Amino acid sequence: MTLLIILACLFGAVALMVILGERFGKPMDEEQQAKFSKTTWILVFAILIAALVKGML
């Protein structure tokens, strides 16, 4: 029963984020998209390296 309550709360939170994001979100311009794209690749690479190091220990 506890698992169902947690899943319901999680579903409600995600639904709320989607609704609010669609209502109040604004599209990004191409400069911002390019900046976030570069930053995302760096973060993904760093997370993969950290996971590899953690797996070796």
C-alpha atoms as a PDB file:
ATOM      1  CA  MET A   1       0.000   0.000   0.000  1.00  0.00           C
ATOM      2  CA  THR A   2       2.854   2.362   0.805  1.00  0.00           C
ATOM      3  CA  LEU A   3       4.316   1.798  -2.655  1.00  0.00           C
ATOM      4  CA  LEU A   4       1.033   2.810  -4.284  1.00  0.00           C
ATOM      5  CA  ILE A   5       0.933   6.019  -2.245  1.00  0.00           C
ATOM      6  CA  ILE A   6       4.504   6.875  -3.235  1.00  0.00           C
ATOM      7  CA  LEU A   7       3.755   6.166  -6.913  1.00  0.00           C
ATOM      8  CA  ALA A   8       0.599   8.289  -6.787  1.00  0.00           C
ATOM      9  CA  CYS A   9       2.518  11.199  -5.241  1.00  0.00           C
ATOM     10  CA  LEU A  10       5.257  10.836  -7.852  1.00  0.00           C
ATOM     11  CA  PHE A  11       2.711  10.749 -10.697  1.00  0.00           C
ATOM     12  CA  GLY A  12       0.970  13.823  -9.290  1.00  0.00           C
ATOM     13  CA  ALA A  13       4.247  15.740  -9.004  1.00  0.00           C
ATOM     14  CA  VAL A  14       5.266  14.892 -12.578  1.00  0.00           C
ATOM     15  CA  ALA A  15       1.823  15.832 -13.894  1.00  0.00           C
ATOM     16  CA  LEU A  16       2.010  19.151 -12.042  1.00  0.00           C
ATOM     17  CA  MET A  17       5.472  19.883 -13.488  1.00  0.00           C
ATOM     18  CA  VAL A  18       4.240  19.135 -17.019  1.00  0.00           C
ATOM     19  CA  ILE A  19       1.143  21.306 -16.655  1.00  0.00           C
ATOM     20  CA  LEU A  20       3.057  24.238 -15.152  1.00  0.00           C
ATOM     21  CA  GLY A  21       5.876  23.859 -17.684  1.00  0.00           C
ATOM     22  CA  GLU A  22       3.459  24.013 -20.595  1.00  0.00           C
ATOM     23  CA  ARG A  23       1.576  26.963 -19.174  1.00  0.00           C
ATOM     24  CA  PHE A  24       4.412  29.185 -17.951  1.00  0.00           C
ATOM     25  CA  GLY A  25       7.411  27.887 -19.929  1.00  0.00           C
ATOM     26  CA  LYS A  26       8.851  29.937 -22.737  1.00  0.00           C
ATOM     27  CA  PRO A  27      10.873  28.627 -25.662  1.00  0.00           C
ATOM     28  CA  MET A  28      14.640  29.051 -25.589  1.00  0.00           C
ATOM     29  CA  ASP A  29      16.459  30.903 -28.316  1.00  0.00           C
ATOM     30  CA  GLU A  30      19.145  29.139 -30.333  1.00  0.00           C
ATOM     31  CA  GLU A  31      22.033  30.680 -28.373  1.00  0.00           C
ATOM     32  CA  GLN A  32      20.719  29.281 -25.096  1.00  0.00           C
ATOM     33  CA  GLN A  33      20.111  25.874 -26.686  1.00  0.00           C
ATOM     34  CA  ALA A  34      23.679  25.754 -27.993  1.00  0.00           C
ATOM     35  CA  LYS A  35      25.064  26.742 -24.584  1.00  0.00           C
ATOM     36  CA  PHE A  36      23.032  24.088 -22.753  1.00  0.00           C
ATOM     37  CA  SER A  37      23.958  21.495 -25.365  1.00  0.00           C
ATOM     38  CA  LYS A  38      27.683  22.055 -24.784  1.00  0.00           C
ATOM     39  CA  THR A  39      27.227  22.021 -21.010  1.00  0.00           C
ATOM     40  CA  THR A  40      25.152  18.837 -21.139  1.00  0.00           C
ATOM     41  CA  TRP A  41      27.819  16.886 -23.052  1.00  0.00           C
ATOM     42  CA  ILE A  42      30.478  17.960 -20.537  1.00  0.00           C
ATOM     43  CA  LEU A  43      28.301  16.917 -17.587  1.00  0.00           C
ATOM     44  CA  VAL A  44      27.420  13.551 -19.145  1.00  0.00           C
ATOM     45  CA  PHE A  45      31.109  12.857 -19.795  1.00  0.00           C
ATOM     46  CA  ALA A  46      32.019  13.798 -16.213  1.00  0.00           C
ATOM     47  CA  ILE A  47      29.273  11.570 -14.788  1.00  0.00           C
ATOM     48  CA  LEU A  48      30.435   8.624 -16.903  1.00  0.00           C
ATOM     49  CA  ILE A  49      34.034   9.085 -15.742  1.00  0.00           C
ATOM     50  CA  ALA A  50      32.875   9.323 -12.119  1.00  0.00           C
ATOM     51  CA  ALA A  51      30.825   6.124 -12.506  1.00  0.00           C
ATOM     52  CA  LEU A  52      33.801   4.301 -14.007  1.00  0.00           C
ATOM     53  CA  VAL A  53      36.059   5.426 -11.159  1.00  0.00           C
ATOM     54  CA  LYS A  54      33.469   4.409  -8.580  1.00  0.00           C
ATOM     55  CA  GLY A  55      33.071   1.016 -10.255  1.00  0.00           C
ATOM     56  CA  MET A  56      36.806   0.393 -10.119  1.00  0.00           C
ATOM     57  CA  LEU A  57      37.004   1.031  -6.379  1.00  0.00           C
END
